[in-house]
Amino acid sequence: MPESGMTIRRAVPDITTADPVASSGFYQLLGFREEMNLGWVVNLVSPSNPTAQVILITKDAAASVNPDLSVEVDDVDAAYEAVRATGAEIVHPITDEQWGVRRFFVRDPDGKVVNVVSHR
C-alpha cells in the first residue's frame, strides 16, 4: 500500500447513541471527561492522553448518516482529492461546517463510514 504522506492527528471511534447523557456517564466511569458537548455530539477525552478519545453521536447535524470513525488529518483537501481519485464513495461532500471543522465522509472497503476532518 502506498504511503500518502498525510499526517494523522487522531483517530476516534464514533459511537451512535440514543442517550448521550447515559453514554457519557458510562465513559466517564472509565476515566474520560467531556471536552465538547453540542447536544447531538459529545467528545470525551482522556485527561492523561488527549489523543485518546470517544465521540458519541445521536444524529449528525449536517450529514445524512452517522460516521463509524473520525480521522483528523492535517490537510483535509488533499485527503479528499486522494480518496476521490480512487473512486471511493463520498457519502458527505467536503464541507466547512458551522462548528469549526472542514470535513467529508467516505465509505471504506468494508462499508464503514469515515469522517475525515481538519479543524479550522
PDB file of N, CA and C in Angstrom:
ATOM      1  N   MET A   1       0.852  -1.174   0.000  1.00  0.00           N
ATOM      2  CA  MET A   1       0.000   0.000   0.000  1.00  0.00           C
ATOM      3  C   MET A   1       0.899   1.240   0.000  1.00  0.00           C
ATOM      4  N   PRO A   2       0.650   2.184  -0.888  1.00  0.00           N
ATOM      5  CA  PRO A   2       1.495   3.381  -0.942  1.00  0.00           C
ATOM      6  C   PRO A   2       1.258   4.294   0.258  1.00  0.00           C
ATOM      7  N   GLU A   3       2.304   4.976   0.667  1.00  0.00           N
ATOM      8  CA  GLU A   3       2.178   5.944   1.746  1.00  0.00           C
ATOM      9  C   GLU A   3       1.705   7.259   1.162  1.00  0.00           C
ATOM     10  N   SER A   4       0.797   7.935   1.857  1.00  0.00           N
ATOM     11  CA  SER A   4       0.219   9.170   1.333  1.00  0.00           C
ATOM     12  C   SER A   4       1.000  10.406   1.757  1.00  0.00           C
ATOM     13  N   GLY A   5       1.787  10.305   2.811  1.00  0.00           N
ATOM     14  CA  GLY A   5       2.450  11.486   3.339  1.00  0.00           C
ATOM     15  C   GLY A   5       1.526  12.331   4.202  1.00  0.00           C
ATOM     16  N   MET A   6       0.316  11.854   4.402  1.00  0.00           N
ATOM     17  CA  MET A   6      -0.674  12.571   5.197  1.00  0.00           C
ATOM     18  C   MET A   6      -0.325  12.434   6.683  1.00  0.00           C
ATOM     19  N   THR A   7      -0.493  13.521   7.427  1.00  0.00           N
ATOM     20  CA  THR A   7      -0.292  13.481   8.868  1.00  0.00           C
ATOM     21  C   THR A   7      -1.635  13.268   9.554  1.00  0.00           C
ATOM     22  N   ILE A   8      -1.722  12.205  10.325  1.00  0.00           N
ATOM     23  CA  ILE A   8      -2.930  11.913  11.097  1.00  0.00           C
ATOM     24  C   ILE A   8      -2.740  12.498  12.487  1.00  0.00           C
ATOM     25  N   ARG A   9      -3.662  13.309  12.902  1.00  0.00           N
ATOM     26  CA  ARG A   9      -3.581  13.923  14.226  1.00  0.00           C
ATOM     27  C   ARG A   9      -4.269  13.074  15.285  1.00  0.00           C
ATOM     28  N   ARG A  10      -5.339  12.372  14.887  1.00  0.00           N
ATOM     29  CA  ARG A  10      -6.030  11.469  15.810  1.00  0.00           C
ATOM     30  C   ARG A  10      -7.008  10.621  15.016  1.00  0.00           C
ATOM     31  N   ALA A  11      -7.342   9.484  15.552  1.00  0.00           N
ATOM     32  CA  ALA A  11      -8.389   8.616  15.005  1.00  0.00           C
ATOM     33  C   ALA A  11      -9.283   8.245  16.177  1.00  0.00           C
ATOM     34  N   VAL A  12     -10.592   8.450  16.013  1.00  0.00           N
ATOM     35  CA  VAL A  12     -11.527   8.351  17.126  1.00  0.00           C
ATOM     36  C   VAL A  12     -12.749   7.529  16.711  1.00  0.00           C
ATOM     37  N   PRO A  13     -13.151   6.553  17.528  1.00  0.00           N
ATOM     38  CA  PRO A  13     -14.401   5.849  17.215  1.00  0.00           C
ATOM     39  C   PRO A  13     -15.599   6.778  17.423  1.00  0.00           C
ATOM     40  N   ASP A  14     -16.555   6.695  16.510  1.00  0.00           N
ATOM     41  CA  ASP A  14     -17.820   7.418  16.630  1.00  0.00           C
ATOM     42  C   ASP A  14     -18.884   6.396  17.012  1.00  0.00           C
ATOM     43  N   ILE A  15     -19.485   6.577  18.176  1.00  0.00           N
ATOM     44  CA  ILE A  15     -20.470   5.635  18.689  1.00  0.00           C
ATOM     45  C   ILE A  15     -21.851   6.283  18.617  1.00  0.00           C
ATOM     46  N   THR A  16     -22.745   5.692  17.817  1.00  0.00           N
ATOM     47  CA  THR A  16     -24.114   6.187  17.748  1.00  0.00           C
ATOM     48  C   THR A  16     -24.842   5.786  19.024  1.00  0.00           C
ATOM     49  N   THR A  17     -25.521   6.753  19.627  1.00  0.00           N
ATOM     50  CA  THR A  17     -26.229   6.515  20.886  1.00  0.00           C
ATOM     51  C   THR A  17     -27.581   7.209  20.872  1.00  0.00           C
ATOM     52  N   ALA A  18     -28.560   6.593  21.499  1.00  0.00           N
ATOM     53  CA  ALA A  18     -29.868   7.218  21.675  1.00  0.00           C
ATOM     54  C   ALA A  18     -29.888   8.081  22.933  1.00  0.00           C
ATOM     55  N   ASP A  19     -28.938   7.848  23.842  1.00  0.00           N
ATOM     56  CA  ASP A  19     -28.922   8.559  25.119  1.00  0.00           C
ATOM     57  C   ASP A  19     -27.499   9.050  25.421  1.00  0.00           C
ATOM     58  N   PRO A  20     -27.128  10.228  24.886  1.00  0.00           N
ATOM     59  CA  PRO A  20     -25.756  10.711  25.085  1.00  0.00           C
ATOM     60  C   PRO A  20     -25.414  10.996  26.548  1.00  0.00           C
ATOM     61  N   VAL A  21     -26.397  11.330  27.348  1.00  0.00           N
ATOM     62  CA  VAL A  21     -26.131  11.594  28.768  1.00  0.00           C
ATOM     63  C   VAL A  21     -25.699  10.303  29.463  1.00  0.00           C
ATOM     64  N   ALA A  22     -26.458   9.226  29.255  1.00  0.00           N
ATOM     65  CA  ALA A  22     -26.113   7.937  29.870  1.00  0.00           C
ATOM     66  C   ALA A  22     -24.789   7.414  29.318  1.00  0.00           C
ATOM     67  N   SER A  23     -24.600   7.536  28.014  1.00  0.00           N
ATOM     68  CA  SER A  23     -23.352   7.050  27.414  1.00  0.00           C
ATOM     69  C   SER A  23     -22.152   7.840  27.923  1.00  0.00           C
ATOM     70  N   SER A  24     -22.306   9.161  28.017  1.00  0.00           N
ATOM     71  CA  SER A  24     -21.219   9.991  28.532  1.00  0.00           C
ATOM     72  C   SER A  24     -20.887   9.604  29.965  1.00  0.00           C
ATOM     73  N   GLY A  25     -21.908   9.397  30.774  1.00  0.00           N
ATOM     74  CA  GLY A  25     -21.678   8.979  32.160  1.00  0.00           C
ATOM     75  C   GLY A  25     -20.925   7.670  32.236  1.00  0.00           C
ATOM     76  N   PHE A  26     -21.269   6.722  31.361  1.00  0.00           N
ATOM     77  CA  PHE A  26     -20.565   5.437  31.337  1.00  0.00           C
ATOM     78  C   PHE A  26     -19.087   5.632  31.021  1.00  0.00           C
ATOM     79  N   TYR A  27     -18.774   6.376  29.955  1.00  0.00           N
ATOM     80  CA  TYR A  27     -17.372   6.554  29.576  1.00  0.00           C
ATOM     81  C   TYR A  27     -16.601   7.394  30.586  1.00  0.00           C
ATOM     82  N   GLN A  28     -17.303   8.258  31.307  1.00  0.00           N
ATOM     83  CA  GLN A  28     -16.639   8.997  32.379  1.00  0.00           C
ATOM     84  C   GLN A  28     -16.238   8.064  33.521  1.00  0.00           C
ATOM     85  N   LEU A  29     -16.996   6.971  33.734  1.00  0.00           N
ATOM     86  CA  LEU A  29     -16.598   5.962  34.721  1.00  0.00           C
ATOM     87  C   LEU A  29     -15.249   5.328  34.367  1.00  0.00           C
ATOM     88  N   LEU A  30     -14.933   5.306  33.056  1.00  0.00           N
ATOM     89  CA  LEU A  30     -13.661   4.733  32.593  1.00  0.00           C
ATOM     90  C   LEU A  30     -12.526   5.757  32.602  1.00  0.00           C
ATOM     91  N   GLY A  31     -12.823   6.986  33.012  1.00  0.00           N
ATOM     92  CA  GLY A  31     -11.782   7.998  33.142  1.00  0.00           C
ATOM     93  C   GLY A  31     -11.826   9.110  32.113  1.00  0.00           C
ATOM     94  N   PHE A  32     -12.733   9.028  31.130  1.00  0.00           N
ATOM     95  CA  PHE A  32     -12.852  10.111  30.149  1.00  0.00           C
ATOM     96  C   PHE A  32     -13.541  11.314  30.779  1.00  0.00           C
ATOM     97  N   ARG A  33     -13.308  12.487  30.193  1.00  0.00           N
ATOM     98  CA  ARG A  33     -14.032  13.696  30.596  1.00  0.00           C
ATOM     99  C   ARG A  33     -14.607  14.340  29.337  1.00  0.00           C
ATOM    100  N   GLU A  34     -15.722  15.038  29.497  1.00  0.00           N
ATOM    101  CA  GLU A  34     -16.324  15.728  28.353  1.00  0.00           C
ATOM    102  C   GLU A  34     -15.464  16.914  27.952  1.00  0.00           C
ATOM    103  N   GLU A  35     -15.088  16.947  26.705  1.00  0.00           N
ATOM    104  CA  GLU A  35     -14.326  18.061  26.138  1.00  0.00           C
ATOM    105  C   GLU A  35     -15.255  19.011  25.396  1.00  0.00           C
ATOM    106  N   MET A  36     -16.269  18.437  24.721  1.00  0.00           N
ATOM    107  CA  MET A  36     -17.207  19.232  23.927  1.00  0.00           C
ATOM    108  C   MET A  36     -18.559  18.528  23.976  1.00  0.00           C
ATOM    109  N   ASN A  37     -19.623  19.326  24.069  1.00  0.00           N
ATOM    110  CA  ASN A  37     -20.970  18.771  24.046  1.00  0.00           C
ATOM    111  C   ASN A  37     -21.860  19.740  23.278  1.00  0.00           C
ATOM    112  N   LEU A  38     -22.260  19.341  22.056  1.00  0.00           N
ATOM    113  CA  LEU A  38     -23.159  20.164  21.250  1.00  0.00           C
ATOM    114  C   LEU A  38     -24.591  19.629  21.283  1.00  0.00           C
ATOM    115  N   GLY A  39     -24.856  18.711  22.197  1.00  0.00           N
ATOM    116  CA  GLY A  39     -26.178  18.114  22.299  1.00  0.00           C
ATOM    117  C   GLY A  39     -26.294  16.869  21.433  1.00  0.00           C
ATOM    118  N   TRP A  40     -26.071  17.005  20.149  1.00  0.00           N
ATOM    119  CA  TRP A  40     -26.151  15.867  19.227  1.00  0.00           C
ATOM    120  C   TRP A  40     -24.828  15.114  19.119  1.00  0.00           C
ATOM    121  N   VAL A  41     -23.754  15.729  19.568  1.00  0.00           N
ATOM    122  CA  VAL A  41     -22.432  15.098  19.549  1.00  0.00           C
ATOM    123  C   VAL A  41     -21.678  15.481  20.820  1.00  0.00           C
ATOM    124  N   VAL A  42     -21.049  14.473  21.432  1.00  0.00           N
ATOM    125  CA  VAL A  42     -20.262  14.678  22.651  1.00  0.00           C
ATOM    126  C   VAL A  42     -18.877  14.097  22.399  1.00  0.00           C
ATOM    127  N   ASN A  43     -17.848  14.881  22.686  1.00  0.00           N
ATOM    128  CA  ASN A  43     -16.469  14.417  22.560  1.00  0.00           C
ATOM    129  C   ASN A  43     -15.910  14.195  23.954  1.00  0.00           C
ATOM    130  N   LEU A  44     -15.466  12.968  24.220  1.00  0.00           N
ATOM    131  CA  LEU A  44     -14.879  12.598  25.505  1.00  0.00           C
ATOM    132  C   LEU A  44     -13.392  12.354  25.314  1.00  0.00           C
ATOM    133  N   VAL A  45     -12.580  12.838  26.246  1.00  0.00           N
ATOM    134  CA  VAL A  45     -11.132  12.827  26.119  1.00  0.00           C
ATOM    135  C   VAL A  45     -10.494  12.272  27.387  1.00  0.00           C
ATOM    136  N   SER A  46      -9.410  11.536  27.214  1.00  0.00           N
ATOM    137  CA  SER A  46      -8.614  11.091  28.352  1.00  0.00           C
ATOM    138  C   SER A  46      -7.824  12.289  28.892  1.00  0.00           C
ATOM    139  N   PRO A  47      -7.915  12.579  30.181  1.00  0.00           N
ATOM    140  CA  PRO A  47      -7.146  13.688  30.749  1.00  0.00           C
ATOM    141  C   PRO A  47      -5.639  13.492  30.642  1.00  0.00           C
ATOM    142  N   SER A  48      -5.178  12.233  30.630  1.00  0.00           N
ATOM    143  CA  SER A  48      -3.737  11.981  30.602  1.00  0.00           C
ATOM    144  C   SER A  48      -3.186  11.775  29.192  1.00  0.00           C
ATOM    145  N   ASN A  49      -4.059  11.507  28.229  1.00  0.00           N
ATOM    146  CA  ASN A  49      -3.632  11.281  26.849  1.00  0.00           C
ATOM    147  C   ASN A  49      -4.683  11.899  25.931  1.00  0.00           C
ATOM    148  N   PRO A  50      -4.548  13.186  25.581  1.00  0.00           N
ATOM    149  CA  PRO A  50      -5.609  13.890  24.870  1.00  0.00           C
ATOM    150  C   PRO A  50      -5.945  13.348  23.475  1.00  0.00           C
ATOM    151  N   THR A  51      -5.124  12.479  22.925  1.00  0.00           N
ATOM    152  CA  THR A  51      -5.489  11.892  21.634  1.00  0.00           C
ATOM    153  C   THR A  51      -6.329  10.626  21.796  1.00  0.00           C
ATOM    154  N   ALA A  52      -6.488  10.137  23.036  1.00  0.00           N
ATOM    155  CA  ALA A  52      -7.383   9.012  23.315  1.00  0.00           C
ATOM    156  C   ALA A  52      -8.773   9.588  23.556  1.00  0.00           C
ATOM    157  N   GLN A  53      -9.667   9.365  22.590  1.00  0.00           N
ATOM    158  CA  GLN A  53     -10.974  10.000  22.628  1.00  0.00           C
ATOM    159  C   GLN A  53     -12.068   9.043  22.170  1.00  0.00           C
ATOM    160  N   VAL A  54     -13.297   9.390  22.519  1.00  0.00           N
ATOM    161  CA  VAL A  54     -14.504   8.705  22.064  1.00  0.00           C
ATOM    162  C   VAL A  54     -15.492   9.795  21.685  1.00  0.00           C
ATOM    163  N   ILE A  55     -16.166   9.619  20.545  1.00  0.00           N
ATOM    164  CA  ILE A  55     -17.222  10.542  20.141  1.00  0.00           C
ATOM    165  C   ILE A  55     -18.550   9.810  20.233  1.00  0.00           C
ATOM    166  N   LEU A  56     -19.513  10.447  20.892  1.00  0.00           N
ATOM    167  CA  LEU A  56     -20.878   9.936  20.990  1.00  0.00           C
ATOM    168  C   LEU A  56     -21.748  10.802  20.095  1.00  0.00           C
ATOM    169  N   ILE A  57     -22.594  10.179  19.297  1.00  0.00           N
ATOM    170  CA  ILE A  57     -23.396  10.939  18.345  1.00  0.00           C
ATOM    171  C   ILE A  57     -24.810  10.382  18.281  1.00  0.00           C
ATOM    172  N   THR A  58     -25.781  11.296  18.321  1.00  0.00           N
ATOM    173  CA  THR A  58     -27.174  10.868  18.177  1.00  0.00           C
ATOM    174  C   THR A  58     -27.551  10.848  16.702  1.00  0.00           C
ATOM    175  N   LYS A  59     -27.533  11.998  16.052  1.00  0.00           N
ATOM    176  CA  LYS A  59     -27.814  12.136  14.623  1.00  0.00           C
ATOM    177  C   LYS A  59     -26.977  13.295  14.121  1.00  0.00           C
ATOM    178  N   ASP A  60     -26.103  13.028  13.155  1.00  0.00           N
ATOM    179  CA  ASP A  60     -25.228  14.075  12.644  1.00  0.00           C
ATOM    180  C   ASP A  60     -26.058  15.282  12.207  1.00  0.00           C
ATOM    181  N   ALA A  61     -25.632  16.468  12.591  1.00  0.00           N
ATOM    182  CA  ALA A  61     -26.385  17.695  12.333  1.00  0.00           C
ATOM    183  C   ALA A  61     -26.365  18.114  10.870  1.00  0.00           C
ATOM    184  N   ALA A  62     -25.402  17.634  10.086  1.00  0.00           N
ATOM    185  CA  ALA A  62     -25.295  18.108   8.705  1.00  0.00           C
ATOM    186  C   ALA A  62     -25.269  16.985   7.664  1.00  0.00           C
ATOM    187  N   ALA A  63     -25.023  15.764   8.070  1.00  0.00           N
ATOM    188  CA  ALA A  63     -24.901  14.657   7.118  1.00  0.00           C
ATOM    189  C   ALA A  63     -26.086  13.708   7.257  1.00  0.00           C
ATOM    190  N   SER A  64     -26.317  12.924   6.210  1.00  0.00           N
ATOM    191  CA  SER A  64     -27.463  12.011   6.213  1.00  0.00           C
ATOM    192  C   SER A  64     -27.180  10.698   6.941  1.00  0.00           C
ATOM    193  N   VAL A  65     -25.919  10.434   7.280  1.00  0.00           N
ATOM    194  CA  VAL A  65     -25.541   9.222   8.008  1.00  0.00           C
ATOM    195  C   VAL A  65     -24.589   9.597   9.133  1.00  0.00           C
ATOM    196  N   ASN A  66     -24.493   8.729  10.131  1.00  0.00           N
ATOM    197  CA  ASN A  66     -23.504   8.905  11.188  1.00  0.00           C
ATOM    198  C   ASN A  66     -22.228   8.179  10.790  1.00  0.00           C
ATOM    199  N   PRO A  67     -21.074   8.781  11.057  1.00  0.00           N
ATOM    200  CA  PRO A  67     -19.819   8.080  10.783  1.00  0.00           C
ATOM    201  C   PRO A  67     -19.549   6.999  11.824  1.00  0.00           C
ATOM    202  N   ASP A  68     -18.709   6.041  11.440  1.00  0.00           N
ATOM    203  CA  ASP A  68     -18.255   4.999  12.358  1.00  0.00           C
ATOM    204  C   ASP A  68     -16.918   5.358  12.992  1.00  0.00           C
ATOM    205  N   LEU A  69     -16.177   6.223  12.310  1.00  0.00           N
ATOM    206  CA  LEU A  69     -14.820   6.576  12.718  1.00  0.00           C
ATOM    207  C   LEU A  69     -14.531   7.988  12.239  1.00  0.00           C
ATOM    208  N   SER A  70     -13.825   8.769  13.053  1.00  0.00           N
ATOM    209  CA  SER A  70     -13.345  10.083  12.630  1.00  0.00           C
ATOM    210  C   SER A  70     -11.830  10.055  12.584  1.00  0.00           C
ATOM    211  N   VAL A  71     -11.275  10.565  11.502  1.00  0.00           N
ATOM    212  CA  VAL A  71      -9.823  10.670  11.350  1.00  0.00           C
ATOM    213  C   VAL A  71      -9.505  12.136  11.090  1.00  0.00           C
ATOM    214  N   GLU A  72      -8.790  12.754  12.030  1.00  0.00           N
ATOM    215  CA  GLU A  72      -8.364  14.138  11.852  1.00  0.00           C
ATOM    216  C   GLU A  72      -7.021  14.147  11.136  1.00  0.00           C
ATOM    217  N   VAL A  73      -6.963  14.866  10.025  1.00  0.00           N
ATOM    218  CA  VAL A  73      -5.752  14.948   9.217  1.00  0.00           C
ATOM    219  C   VAL A  73      -5.287  16.396   9.148  1.00  0.00           C
ATOM    220  N   ASP A  74      -4.037  16.577   8.735  1.00  0.00           N
ATOM    221  CA  ASP A  74      -3.505  17.933   8.641  1.00  0.00           C
ATOM    222  C   ASP A  74      -4.019  18.669   7.407  1.00  0.00           C
ATOM    223  N   ASP A  75      -4.401  17.959   6.339  1.00  0.00           N
ATOM    224  CA  ASP A  75      -4.845  18.598   5.103  1.00  0.00           C
ATOM    225  C   ASP A  75      -6.042  17.833   4.540  1.00  0.00           C
ATOM    226  N   VAL A  76      -7.239  18.237   4.954  1.00  0.00           N
ATOM    227  CA  VAL A  76      -8.444  17.528   4.545  1.00  0.00           C
ATOM    228  C   VAL A  76      -8.688  17.637   3.039  1.00  0.00           C
ATOM    229  N   ASP A  77      -8.279  18.742   2.426  1.00  0.00           N
ATOM    230  CA  ASP A  77      -8.472  18.892   0.979  1.00  0.00           C
ATOM    231  C   ASP A  77      -7.612  17.899   0.200  1.00  0.00           C
ATOM    232  N   ALA A  78      -6.385  17.698   0.631  1.00  0.00           N
ATOM    233  CA  ALA A  78      -5.511  16.713  -0.019  1.00  0.00           C
ATOM    234  C   ALA A  78      -6.059  15.302   0.173  1.00  0.00           C
ATOM    235  N   ALA A  79      -6.566  15.021   1.380  1.00  0.00           N
ATOM    236  CA  ALA A  79      -7.150  13.706   1.637  1.00  0.00           C
ATOM    237  C   ALA A  79      -8.374  13.488   0.757  1.00  0.00           C
ATOM    238  N   TYR A  80      -9.197  14.504   0.595  1.00  0.00           N
ATOM    239  CA  TYR A  80     -10.385  14.411  -0.243  1.00  0.00           C
ATOM    240  C   TYR A  80     -10.006  14.089  -1.684  1.00  0.00           C
ATOM    241  N   GLU A  81      -9.040  14.796  -2.203  1.00  0.00           N
ATOM    242  CA  GLU A  81      -8.606  14.555  -3.588  1.00  0.00           C
ATOM    243  C   GLU A  81      -8.024  13.154  -3.749  1.00  0.00           C
ATOM    244  N   ALA A  82      -7.237  12.710  -2.784  1.00  0.00           N
ATOM    245  CA  ALA A  82      -6.634  11.375  -2.861  1.00  0.00           C
ATOM    246  C   ALA A  82      -7.707  10.288  -2.829  1.00  0.00           C
ATOM    247  N   VAL A  83      -8.691  10.441  -1.960  1.00  0.00           N
ATOM    248  CA  VAL A  83      -9.758   9.445  -1.835  1.00  0.00           C
ATOM    249  C   VAL A  83     -10.655   9.475  -3.066  1.00  0.00           C
ATOM    250  N   ARG A  84     -11.011  10.672  -3.511  1.00  0.00           N
ATOM    251  CA  ARG A  84     -11.889  10.820  -4.671  1.00  0.00           C
ATOM    252  C   ARG A  84     -11.263  10.213  -5.920  1.00  0.00           C
ATOM    253  N   ALA A  85      -9.950  10.343  -6.050  1.00  0.00           N
ATOM    254  CA  ALA A  85      -9.238   9.802  -7.211  1.00  0.00           C
ATOM    255  C   ALA A  85      -9.322   8.280  -7.292  1.00  0.00           C
ATOM    256  N   THR A  86      -9.579   7.624  -6.166  1.00  0.00           N
ATOM    257  CA  THR A  86      -9.691   6.160  -6.165  1.00  0.00           C
ATOM    258  C   THR A  86     -11.077   5.687  -6.573  1.00  0.00           C
ATOM    259  N   GLY A  87     -12.024   6.602  -6.626  1.00  0.00           N
ATOM    260  CA  GLY A  87     -13.398   6.225  -6.934  1.00  0.00           C
ATOM    261  C   GLY A  87     -14.195   5.786  -5.726  1.00  0.00           C
ATOM    262  N   ALA A  88     -13.630   5.931  -4.530  1.00  0.00           N
ATOM    263  CA  ALA A  88     -14.358   5.562  -3.308  1.00  0.00           C
ATOM    264  C   ALA A  88     -15.625   6.407  -3.187  1.00  0.00           C
ATOM    265  N   GLU A  89     -16.644   5.848  -2.537  1.00  0.00           N
ATOM    266  CA  GLU A  89     -17.916   6.539  -2.394  1.00  0.00           C
ATOM    267  C   GLU A  89     -17.819   7.669  -1.373  1.00  0.00           C
ATOM    268  N   ILE A  90     -18.030   8.878  -1.838  1.00  0.00           N
ATOM    269  CA  ILE A  90     -18.102  10.033  -0.944  1.00  0.00           C
ATOM    270  C   ILE A  90     -19.537  10.095  -0.429  1.00  0.00           C
ATOM    271  N   VAL A  91     -19.702   9.947   0.872  1.00  0.00           N
ATOM    272  CA  VAL A  91     -21.029   9.867   1.488  1.00  0.00           C
ATOM    273  C   VAL A  91     -21.540  11.259   1.867  1.00  0.00           C
ATOM    274  N   HIS A  92     -20.631  12.159   2.225  1.00  0.00           N
ATOM    275  CA  HIS A  92     -20.953  13.546   2.576  1.00  0.00           C
ATOM    276  C   HIS A  92     -19.861  14.402   1.939  1.00  0.00           C
ATOM    277  N   PRO A  93     -20.230  15.365   1.101  1.00  0.00           N
ATOM    278  CA  PRO A  93     -19.212  16.137   0.371  1.00  0.00           C
ATOM    279  C   PRO A  93     -18.353  16.992   1.297  1.00  0.00           C
ATOM    280  N   ILE A  94     -17.203  17.397   0.800  1.00  0.00           N
ATOM    281  CA  ILE A  94     -16.324  18.250   1.609  1.00  0.00           C
ATOM    282  C   ILE A  94     -17.078  19.548   1.914  1.00  0.00           C
ATOM    283  N   THR A  95     -17.098  19.882   3.203  1.00  0.00           N
ATOM    284  CA  THR A  95     -17.941  20.976   3.683  1.00  0.00           C
ATOM    285  C   THR A  95     -17.250  21.689   4.835  1.00  0.00           C
ATOM    286  N   ASP A  96     -17.369  23.016   4.849  1.00  0.00           N
ATOM    287  CA  ASP A  96     -16.982  23.799   6.022  1.00  0.00           C
ATOM    288  C   ASP A  96     -18.198  23.851   6.937  1.00  0.00           C
ATOM    289  N   GLU A  97     -18.110  23.172   8.087  1.00  0.00           N
ATOM    290  CA  GLU A  97     -19.240  23.100   8.998  1.00  0.00           C
ATOM    291  C   GLU A  97     -19.229  24.291   9.951  1.00  0.00           C
ATOM    292  N   GLN A  98     -20.413  24.673  10.414  1.00  0.00           N
ATOM    293  CA  GLN A  98     -20.547  25.862  11.262  1.00  0.00           C
ATOM    294  C   GLN A  98     -19.861  25.725  12.612  1.00  0.00           C
ATOM    295  N   TRP A  99     -19.526  24.503  13.034  1.00  0.00           N
ATOM    296  CA  TRP A  99     -18.881  24.315  14.347  1.00  0.00           C
ATOM    297  C   TRP A  99     -17.356  24.287  14.243  1.00  0.00           C
ATOM    298  N   GLY A 100     -16.802  24.740  13.103  1.00  0.00           N
ATOM    299  CA  GLY A 100     -15.370  24.990  13.022  1.00  0.00           C
ATOM    300  C   GLY A 100     -14.508  23.899  12.431  1.00  0.00           C
ATOM    301  N   VAL A 101     -15.115  22.974  11.674  1.00  0.00           N
ATOM    302  CA  VAL A 101     -14.320  21.944  11.013  1.00  0.00           C
ATOM    303  C   VAL A 101     -14.599  21.952   9.518  1.00  0.00           C
ATOM    304  N   ARG A 102     -13.665  21.420   8.765  1.00  0.00           N
ATOM    305  CA  ARG A 102     -13.853  21.136   7.343  1.00  0.00           C
ATOM    306  C   ARG A 102     -13.755  19.624   7.242  1.00  0.00           C
ATOM    307  N   ARG A 103     -14.744  18.976   6.592  1.00  0.00           N
ATOM    308  CA  ARG A 103     -14.780  17.525   6.627  1.00  0.00           C
ATOM    309  C   ARG A 103     -15.507  16.956   5.418  1.00  0.00           C
ATOM    310  N   PHE A 104     -15.317  15.649   5.238  1.00  0.00           N
ATOM    311  CA  PHE A 104     -16.108  14.865   4.300  1.00  0.00           C
ATOM    312  C   PHE A 104     -16.227  13.462   4.857  1.00  0.00           C
ATOM    313  N   PHE A 105     -17.217  12.711   4.385  1.00  0.00           N
ATOM    314  CA  PHE A 105     -17.391  11.316   4.779  1.00  0.00           C
ATOM    315  C   PHE A 105     -17.126  10.453   3.556  1.00  0.00           C
ATOM    316  N   VAL A 106     -16.417   9.347   3.765  1.00  0.00           N
ATOM    317  CA  VAL A 106     -16.144   8.384   2.703  1.00  0.00           C
ATOM    318  C   VAL A 106     -16.436   6.986   3.239  1.00  0.00           C
ATOM    319  N   ARG A 107     -16.909   6.114   2.350  1.00  0.00           N
ATOM    320  CA  ARG A 107     -17.182   4.734   2.748  1.00  0.00           C
ATOM    321  C   ARG A 107     -15.923   3.909   2.485  1.00  0.00           C
ATOM    322  N   ASP A 108     -15.462   3.159   3.504  1.00  0.00           N
ATOM    323  CA  ASP A 108     -14.274   2.315   3.346  1.00  0.00           C
ATOM    324  C   ASP A 108     -14.655   1.016   2.626  1.00  0.00           C
ATOM    325  N   PRO A 109     -13.680   0.181   2.256  1.00  0.00           N
ATOM    326  CA  PRO A 109     -13.978  -1.041   1.503  1.00  0.00           C
ATOM    327  C   PRO A 109     -14.921  -2.012   2.217  1.00  0.00           C
ATOM    328  N   ASP A 110     -15.058  -1.896   3.557  1.00  0.00           N
ATOM    329  CA  ASP A 110     -15.958  -2.765   4.302  1.00  0.00           C
ATOM    330  C   ASP A 110     -17.315  -2.118   4.577  1.00  0.00           C
ATOM    331  N   GLY A 111     -17.525  -0.936   4.018  1.00  0.00           N
ATOM    332  CA  GLY A 111     -18.808  -0.262   4.175  1.00  0.00           C
ATOM    333  C   GLY A 111     -18.897   0.691   5.352  1.00  0.00           C
ATOM    334  N   LYS A 112     -17.824   0.805   6.131  1.00  0.00           N
ATOM    335  CA  LYS A 112     -17.822   1.735   7.268  1.00  0.00           C
ATOM    336  C   LYS A 112     -17.698   3.171   6.755  1.00  0.00           C
ATOM    337  N   VAL A 113     -18.371   4.091   7.428  1.00  0.00           N
ATOM    338  CA  VAL A 113     -18.328   5.498   7.053  1.00  0.00           C
ATOM    339  C   VAL A 113     -17.263   6.199   7.890  1.00  0.00           C
ATOM    340  N   VAL A 114     -16.317   6.830   7.201  1.00  0.00           N
ATOM    341  CA  VAL A 114     -15.202   7.506   7.855  1.00  0.00           C
ATOM    342  C   VAL A 114     -15.367   9.023   7.668  1.00  0.00           C
ATOM    343  N   ASN A 115     -15.369   9.736   8.769  1.00  0.00           N
ATOM    344  CA  ASN A 115     -15.402  11.190   8.790  1.00  0.00           C
ATOM    345  C   ASN A 115     -13.947  11.661   8.747  1.00  0.00           C
ATOM    346  N   VAL A 116     -13.536  12.268   7.636  1.00  0.00           N
ATOM    347  CA  VAL A 116     -12.179  12.787   7.508  1.00  0.00           C
ATOM    348  C   VAL A 116     -12.277  14.297   7.738  1.00  0.00           C
ATOM    349  N   VAL A 117     -11.520  14.795   8.704  1.00  0.00           N
ATOM    350  CA  VAL A 117     -11.777  16.141   9.225  1.00  0.00           C
ATOM    351  C   VAL A 117     -10.482  16.888   9.520  1.00  0.00           C
ATOM    352  N   SER A 118     -10.529  18.211   9.370  1.00  0.00           N
ATOM    353  CA  SER A 118      -9.498  19.123   9.867  1.00  0.00           C
ATOM    354  C   SER A 118     -10.207  20.254  10.590  1.00  0.00           C
ATOM    355  N   HIS A 119      -9.608  20.717  11.669  1.00  0.00           N
ATOM    356  CA  HIS A 119     -10.155  21.873  12.370  1.00  0.00           C
ATOM    357  C   HIS A 119      -9.681  23.141  11.680  1.00  0.00           C
ATOM    358  N   ARG A 120     -10.559  24.121  11.626  1.00  0.00           N
ATOM    359  CA  ARG A 120     -10.214  25.417  11.000  1.00  0.00           C
ATOM    360  C   ARG A 120      -9.744  26.375  12.053  1.00  0.00           C
TER     361      ARG A 120
END
